[in-house]
Amino acid sequence: MTKITITLVTLLTGFISFAQSQGNYIVIINNDSIQADLKNELQYKTSSGEELTIKIIQPDILTYSDDMISFSYDKSLSVSNSKIDKGIEQCMIMKSTGNGFMVQKYRTINPSSLTQLMLNEIIKESINYGYSKTEKKFKKKLKSGQTIEGIQATLTYKGEKEVYTVATYGRKDEGIIVVTMLLSEDYTNDKGIIELFLETLVIKE
């Protein structure tokens, strides 16, 4: 199976904003730029002479949020955003092992009927290679109250196992497709990535 590595550059803005660049951070205060590293304190003197002590700390669990969804993820991971087609956007977290998840956001159609089509597309290479497949229904009530429903497919081949879940939630002219992927490599360790995502996923009405 193809392994995917994603790189994300994140920009946060506010009274104090910072952007990551080559392992360092730039803190911007009243248009003054100061280089800093995570967890290291730095001193800043305001125009009025007040001394400020500033320390940048990144929490272990971060939150991705846009106008349609939000979810939590580990700080060691990166969210990749892309536009698939007109009215279709995708955000994804994928490790080099192939384990991870993605959410496709549809703004012009209800994608609820695309579950099987999406699953078939994702697993076709493994099936062609010789993996056997079993399927079962999948249902998960989200933190925001909606329920996503779909299919979980388990593929096996000579002791190797791949587990794929495709689930959807739709309403008039919009909705989402959720896809999770767990391959044999680092299966146990990466299962927590999927669990955290599903437990914190919110669909904004």
C-alpha atoms as a PDB file:
ATOM      1  CA  MET A   1       0.000   0.000   0.000  1.00  0.00           C
ATOM      2  CA  THR A   2       1.186   3.504  -0.685  1.00  0.00           C
ATOM      3  CA  LYS A   3       2.528   5.367   2.328  1.00  0.00           C
ATOM      4  CA  ILE A   4       1.761   9.064   2.575  1.00  0.00           C
ATOM      5  CA  THR A   5       3.672  11.736   4.443  1.00  0.00           C
ATOM      6  CA  ILE A   6       1.991  15.048   5.059  1.00  0.00           C
ATOM      7  CA  THR A   7       3.662  18.344   6.057  1.00  0.00           C
ATOM      8  CA  LEU A   8       1.676  21.203   7.481  1.00  0.00           C
ATOM      9  CA  VAL A   9       2.707  24.775   8.227  1.00  0.00           C
ATOM     10  CA  THR A  10       0.303  26.278  10.766  1.00  0.00           C
ATOM     11  CA  LEU A  11      -0.158  29.991  11.382  1.00  0.00           C
ATOM     12  CA  LEU A  12      -1.883  31.218  14.521  1.00  0.00           C
ATOM     13  CA  THR A  13      -2.741  34.881  15.002  1.00  0.00           C
ATOM     14  CA  GLY A  14      -3.905  36.904  17.968  1.00  0.00           C
ATOM     15  CA  PHE A  15      -2.551  39.503  20.353  1.00  0.00           C
ATOM     16  CA  ILE A  16       0.546  37.339  20.408  1.00  0.00           C
ATOM     17  CA  SER A  17       0.952  35.443  17.140  1.00  0.00           C
ATOM     18  CA  PHE A  18       3.653  33.070  16.064  1.00  0.00           C
ATOM     19  CA  ALA A  19       4.678  30.976  13.065  1.00  0.00           C
ATOM     20  CA  GLN A  20       6.967  27.958  13.025  1.00  0.00           C
ATOM     21  CA  SER A  21      10.064  28.289  10.882  1.00  0.00           C
ATOM     22  CA  GLN A  22      12.996  25.849  10.895  1.00  0.00           C
ATOM     23  CA  GLY A  23      12.294  24.731  14.462  1.00  0.00           C
ATOM     24  CA  ASN A  24      12.062  28.266  15.885  1.00  0.00           C
ATOM     25  CA  TYR A  25       9.103  30.552  16.565  1.00  0.00           C
ATOM     26  CA  ILE A  26       8.597  34.233  15.957  1.00  0.00           C
ATOM     27  CA  VAL A  27       6.561  36.073  18.585  1.00  0.00           C
ATOM     28  CA  ILE A  28       4.945  39.290  17.333  1.00  0.00           C
ATOM     29  CA  ILE A  29       3.976  41.872  19.957  1.00  0.00           C
ATOM     30  CA  ASN A  30       2.789  45.294  18.805  1.00  0.00           C
ATOM     31  CA  ASN A  31       4.591  44.733  15.474  1.00  0.00           C
ATOM     32  CA  ASP A  32       7.865  43.825  17.223  1.00  0.00           C
ATOM     33  CA  SER A  33       9.243  40.411  16.156  1.00  0.00           C
ATOM     34  CA  ILE A  34      11.128  38.263  18.658  1.00  0.00           C
ATOM     35  CA  GLN A  35      12.636  34.830  17.928  1.00  0.00           C
ATOM     36  CA  ALA A  36      11.788  32.189  20.515  1.00  0.00           C
ATOM     37  CA  ASP A  37      11.719  28.457  21.158  1.00  0.00           C
ATOM     38  CA  LEU A  38       9.001  26.410  22.785  1.00  0.00           C
ATOM     39  CA  LYS A  39       9.132  26.326  26.606  1.00  0.00           C
ATOM     40  CA  ASN A  40      11.978  28.872  26.794  1.00  0.00           C
ATOM     41  CA  GLU A  41      11.224  32.131  28.587  1.00  0.00           C
ATOM     42  CA  LEU A  42      12.071  35.433  26.960  1.00  0.00           C
ATOM     43  CA  GLN A  43      11.933  39.005  28.186  1.00  0.00           C
ATOM     44  CA  TYR A  44      10.210  41.865  26.411  1.00  0.00           C
ATOM     45  CA  LYS A  45      10.080  45.539  27.366  1.00  0.00           C
ATOM     46  CA  THR A  46       7.017  47.489  26.251  1.00  0.00           C
ATOM     47  CA  SER A  47       7.148  51.062  24.997  1.00  0.00           C
ATOM     48  CA  SER A  48       6.040  52.180  28.477  1.00  0.00           C
ATOM     49  CA  GLY A  49       8.974  50.374  30.057  1.00  0.00           C
ATOM     50  CA  GLU A  50       7.011  47.419  31.477  1.00  0.00           C
ATOM     51  CA  GLU A  51       8.979  44.146  31.559  1.00  0.00           C
ATOM     52  CA  LEU A  52       7.067  41.120  30.265  1.00  0.00           C
ATOM     53  CA  THR A  53       8.078  37.478  30.644  1.00  0.00           C
ATOM     54  CA  ILE A  54       6.810  35.406  27.741  1.00  0.00           C
ATOM     55  CA  LYS A  55       6.828  31.622  27.396  1.00  0.00           C
ATOM     56  CA  ILE A  56       5.375  29.674  24.478  1.00  0.00           C
ATOM     57  CA  ILE A  57       3.921  26.279  25.401  1.00  0.00           C
ATOM     58  CA  GLN A  58       2.193  23.883  23.045  1.00  0.00           C
ATOM     59  CA  PRO A  59      -0.405  21.553  24.626  1.00  0.00           C
ATOM     60  CA  ASP A  60      -0.137  17.816  23.992  1.00  0.00           C
ATOM     61  CA  ILE A  61      -3.566  17.753  22.342  1.00  0.00           C
ATOM     62  CA  LEU A  62      -4.422  20.293  19.653  1.00  0.00           C
ATOM     63  CA  THR A  63      -7.759  21.162  18.051  1.00  0.00           C
ATOM     64  CA  TYR A  64      -8.516  21.513  14.369  1.00  0.00           C
ATOM     65  CA  SER A  65     -11.564  23.664  13.633  1.00  0.00           C
ATOM     66  CA  ASP A  66     -13.190  25.147  10.542  1.00  0.00           C
ATOM     67  CA  ASP A  67     -16.707  26.275   9.670  1.00  0.00           C
ATOM     68  CA  MET A  68     -17.960  22.687   9.262  1.00  0.00           C
ATOM     69  CA  ILE A  69     -16.088  20.372  11.674  1.00  0.00           C
ATOM     70  CA  SER A  70     -13.678  20.232  14.582  1.00  0.00           C
ATOM     71  CA  PHE A  71     -11.652  17.453  16.221  1.00  0.00           C
ATOM     72  CA  SER A  72      -8.680  16.886  18.511  1.00  0.00           C
ATOM     73  CA  TYR A  73      -5.321  15.370  17.586  1.00  0.00           C
ATOM     74  CA  ASP A  74      -1.861  14.795  19.049  1.00  0.00           C
ATOM     75  CA  LYS A  75       0.635  17.646  18.702  1.00  0.00           C
ATOM     76  CA  SER A  76       3.109  15.324  16.956  1.00  0.00           C
ATOM     77  CA  LEU A  77       0.784  15.130  13.957  1.00  0.00           C
ATOM     78  CA  SER A  78      -0.090  17.611  11.221  1.00  0.00           C
ATOM     79  CA  VAL A  79      -3.371  18.361   9.495  1.00  0.00           C
ATOM     80  CA  SER A  80      -3.307  18.602   5.707  1.00  0.00           C
ATOM     81  CA  ASN A  81      -6.027  20.570   3.909  1.00  0.00           C
ATOM     82  CA  SER A  82      -6.803  20.370   0.219  1.00  0.00           C
ATOM     83  CA  LYS A  83      -9.538  21.210  -2.271  1.00  0.00           C
ATOM     84  CA  ILE A  84     -10.648  18.074  -4.118  1.00  0.00           C
ATOM     85  CA  ASP A  85     -13.191  19.617  -6.474  1.00  0.00           C
ATOM     86  CA  LYS A  86     -15.699  22.425  -6.545  1.00  0.00           C
ATOM     87  CA  GLY A  87     -17.624  22.234  -3.286  1.00  0.00           C
ATOM     88  CA  ILE A  88     -15.473  19.376  -1.929  1.00  0.00           C
ATOM     89  CA  GLU A  89     -12.671  19.906   0.591  1.00  0.00           C
ATOM     90  CA  GLN A  90     -10.597  17.413   2.531  1.00  0.00           C
ATOM     91  CA  CYS A  91      -8.621  17.509   5.773  1.00  0.00           C
ATOM     92  CA  MET A  92      -6.389  14.598   6.643  1.00  0.00           C
ATOM     93  CA  ILE A  93      -3.952  13.297   9.218  1.00  0.00           C
ATOM     94  CA  MET A  94      -1.821  10.467   7.868  1.00  0.00           C
ATOM     95  CA  LYS A  95       1.353   8.939   9.288  1.00  0.00           C
ATOM     96  CA  SER A  96       4.117   7.507   7.118  1.00  0.00           C
ATOM     97  CA  THR A  97       2.880   4.044   8.153  1.00  0.00           C
ATOM     98  CA  GLY A  98      -0.392   4.675   6.305  1.00  0.00           C
ATOM     99  CA  ASN A  99      -2.379   4.921   9.537  1.00  0.00           C
ATOM    100  CA  GLY A 100      -4.658   7.900   9.981  1.00  0.00           C
ATOM    101  CA  PHE A 101      -7.937   9.449   8.957  1.00  0.00           C
ATOM    102  CA  MET A 102      -9.520  11.974   6.659  1.00  0.00           C
ATOM    103  CA  VAL A 103     -12.740  13.950   6.412  1.00  0.00           C
ATOM    104  CA  GLN A 104     -14.179  15.010   3.083  1.00  0.00           C
ATOM    105  CA  LYS A 105     -16.548  17.960   3.368  1.00  0.00           C
ATOM    106  CA  TYR A 106     -19.274  18.336   0.752  1.00  0.00           C
ATOM    107  CA  ARG A 107     -20.965  21.720   0.374  1.00  0.00           C
ATOM    108  CA  THR A 108     -23.262  21.085  -2.607  1.00  0.00           C
ATOM    109  CA  ILE A 109     -24.427  17.449  -2.272  1.00  0.00           C
ATOM    110  CA  ASN A 110     -25.415  14.967   0.434  1.00  0.00           C
ATOM    111  CA  PRO A 111     -22.659  12.282   0.311  1.00  0.00           C
ATOM    112  CA  SER A 112     -24.565   9.625   2.274  1.00  0.00           C
ATOM    113  CA  SER A 113     -24.954   7.376  -0.784  1.00  0.00           C
ATOM    114  CA  LEU A 114     -21.203   7.312  -1.502  1.00  0.00           C
ATOM    115  CA  THR A 115     -20.133   5.030   1.358  1.00  0.00           C
ATOM    116  CA  GLN A 116     -19.616   1.812  -0.576  1.00  0.00           C
ATOM    117  CA  LEU A 117     -18.114   3.608  -3.562  1.00  0.00           C
ATOM    118  CA  MET A 118     -15.535   5.315  -1.355  1.00  0.00           C
ATOM    119  CA  LEU A 119     -14.667   2.074   0.467  1.00  0.00           C
ATOM    120  CA  ASN A 120     -14.227   0.163  -2.785  1.00  0.00           C
ATOM    121  CA  GLU A 121     -11.925   2.843  -4.127  1.00  0.00           C
ATOM    122  CA  ILE A 122      -9.751   2.819  -1.001  1.00  0.00           C
ATOM    123  CA  ILE A 123      -9.313  -0.953  -0.732  1.00  0.00           C
ATOM    124  CA  LYS A 124      -9.163  -1.934  -4.405  1.00  0.00           C
ATOM    125  CA  GLU A 125      -5.353  -2.132  -4.503  1.00  0.00           C
ATOM    126  CA  SER A 126      -5.285  -4.464  -1.504  1.00  0.00           C
ATOM    127  CA  ILE A 127      -8.062  -6.619  -2.944  1.00  0.00           C
ATOM    128  CA  ASN A 128      -6.255  -6.860  -6.276  1.00  0.00           C
ATOM    129  CA  TYR A 129      -3.103  -7.867  -4.402  1.00  0.00           C
ATOM    130  CA  GLY A 130      -4.921 -10.791  -2.822  1.00  0.00           C
ATOM    131  CA  TYR A 131      -6.284  -9.601   0.527  1.00  0.00           C
ATOM    132  CA  SER A 132      -9.503 -11.236   1.703  1.00  0.00           C
ATOM    133  CA  LYS A 133     -12.253  -8.954   3.049  1.00  0.00           C
ATOM    134  CA  THR A 134     -14.932  -9.017   5.703  1.00  0.00           C
ATOM    135  CA  GLU A 135     -17.383  -6.177   6.271  1.00  0.00           C
ATOM    136  CA  LYS A 136     -19.615  -5.054   9.115  1.00  0.00           C
ATOM    137  CA  LYS A 137     -21.834  -2.082   9.745  1.00  0.00           C
ATOM    138  CA  PHE A 138     -20.345   0.888  11.587  1.00  0.00           C
ATOM    139  CA  LYS A 139     -22.216   3.482  13.625  1.00  0.00           C
ATOM    140  CA  LYS A 140     -20.852   6.181  15.921  1.00  0.00           C
ATOM    141  CA  LYS A 141     -22.682   8.923  17.817  1.00  0.00           C
ATOM    142  CA  LEU A 142     -20.546  12.042  17.767  1.00  0.00           C
ATOM    143  CA  LYS A 143     -19.791  14.517  20.518  1.00  0.00           C
ATOM    144  CA  SER A 144     -22.009  17.023  18.708  1.00  0.00           C
ATOM    145  CA  GLY A 145     -24.973  14.640  18.790  1.00  0.00           C
ATOM    146  CA  GLN A 146     -25.158  13.492  15.176  1.00  0.00           C
ATOM    147  CA  THR A 147     -24.531   9.879  14.175  1.00  0.00           C
ATOM    148  CA  ILE A 148     -22.218   8.824  11.376  1.00  0.00           C
ATOM    149  CA  GLU A 149     -23.003   5.486   9.748  1.00  0.00           C
ATOM    150  CA  GLY A 150     -21.151   3.310   7.288  1.00  0.00           C
ATOM    151  CA  ILE A 151     -19.014   0.227   6.799  1.00  0.00           C
ATOM    152  CA  GLN A 152     -15.913  -1.174   8.473  1.00  0.00           C
ATOM    153  CA  ALA A 153     -13.854  -3.510   6.295  1.00  0.00           C
ATOM    154  CA  THR A 154     -11.122  -5.797   7.653  1.00  0.00           C
ATOM    155  CA  LEU A 155      -8.625  -7.061   5.077  1.00  0.00           C
ATOM    156  CA  THR A 156      -6.217  -9.917   5.802  1.00  0.00           C
ATOM    157  CA  TYR A 157      -3.330 -11.464   3.895  1.00  0.00           C
ATOM    158  CA  LYS A 158      -0.666 -13.856   5.259  1.00  0.00           C
ATOM    159  CA  GLY A 159      -0.926 -12.530   8.806  1.00  0.00           C
ATOM    160  CA  GLU A 160      -1.200  -8.903   7.749  1.00  0.00           C
ATOM    161  CA  LYS A 161      -4.315  -6.935   8.670  1.00  0.00           C
ATOM    162  CA  GLU A 162      -5.771  -3.674   7.404  1.00  0.00           C
ATOM    163  CA  VAL A 163      -8.895  -2.066   8.868  1.00  0.00           C
ATOM    164  CA  TYR A 164     -10.758   0.648   6.964  1.00  0.00           C
ATOM    165  CA  THR A 165     -13.877   2.497   8.071  1.00  0.00           C
ATOM    166  CA  VAL A 166     -15.989   4.715   5.839  1.00  0.00           C
ATOM    167  CA  ALA A 167     -18.924   6.538   7.436  1.00  0.00           C
ATOM    168  CA  THR A 168     -21.078   9.452   6.364  1.00  0.00           C
ATOM    169  CA  TYR A 169     -23.387  12.098   7.693  1.00  0.00           C
ATOM    170  CA  GLY A 170     -25.514  14.145   5.350  1.00  0.00           C
ATOM    171  CA  ARG A 171     -28.233  16.718   5.239  1.00  0.00           C
ATOM    172  CA  LYS A 172     -29.752  18.725   2.400  1.00  0.00           C
ATOM    173  CA  ASP A 173     -27.031  19.547  -0.140  1.00  0.00           C
ATOM    174  CA  GLU A 174     -24.114  18.985   2.260  1.00  0.00           C
ATOM    175  CA  GLY A 175     -22.418  16.527   4.552  1.00  0.00           C
ATOM    176  CA  ILE A 176     -19.188  14.696   5.324  1.00  0.00           C
ATOM    177  CA  ILE A 177     -17.453  11.401   4.621  1.00  0.00           C
ATOM    178  CA  VAL A 178     -15.205  10.094   7.396  1.00  0.00           C
ATOM    179  CA  VAL A 179     -12.473   7.586   6.543  1.00  0.00           C
ATOM    180  CA  THR A 180     -10.149   5.875   9.027  1.00  0.00           C
ATOM    181  CA  MET A 181      -7.238   3.596   8.126  1.00  0.00           C
ATOM    182  CA  LEU A 182      -5.271   1.215  10.330  1.00  0.00           C
ATOM    183  CA  LEU A 183      -2.613  -1.016   8.810  1.00  0.00           C
ATOM    184  CA  SER A 184      -0.576  -3.745  10.486  1.00  0.00           C
ATOM    185  CA  GLU A 185       2.481  -1.571  11.053  1.00  0.00           C
ATOM    186  CA  ASP A 186       2.137   0.296  14.373  1.00  0.00           C
ATOM    187  CA  TYR A 187      -1.495  -0.860  14.531  1.00  0.00           C
ATOM    188  CA  THR A 188      -1.703  -0.840  18.332  1.00  0.00           C
ATOM    189  CA  ASN A 189       0.086   2.481  18.838  1.00  0.00           C
ATOM    190  CA  ASP A 190      -1.840   4.309  16.135  1.00  0.00           C
ATOM    191  CA  LYS A 191      -5.257   3.018  17.175  1.00  0.00           C
ATOM    192  CA  GLY A 192      -5.341   5.834  19.738  1.00  0.00           C
ATOM    193  CA  ILE A 193      -5.107   8.418  16.938  1.00  0.00           C
ATOM    194  CA  ILE A 194      -8.356   7.115  15.461  1.00  0.00           C
ATOM    195  CA  GLU A 195     -10.090   6.819  18.834  1.00  0.00           C
ATOM    196  CA  LEU A 196      -9.240  10.404  19.820  1.00  0.00           C
ATOM    197  CA  PHE A 197     -10.492  11.682  16.474  1.00  0.00           C
ATOM    198  CA  LEU A 198     -13.811   9.838  16.658  1.00  0.00           C
ATOM    199  CA  GLU A 199     -14.433  10.748  20.306  1.00  0.00           C
ATOM    200  CA  THR A 200     -13.894  14.461  19.678  1.00  0.00           C
ATOM    201  CA  LEU A 201     -15.302  14.907  16.169  1.00  0.00           C
ATOM    202  CA  VAL A 202     -17.919  17.665  16.012  1.00  0.00           C
ATOM    203  CA  ILE A 203     -20.117  18.494  13.028  1.00  0.00           C
ATOM    204  CA  LYS A 204     -21.208  22.124  13.159  1.00  0.00           C
ATOM    205  CA  GLU A 205     -24.833  22.744  12.199  1.00  0.00           C
END
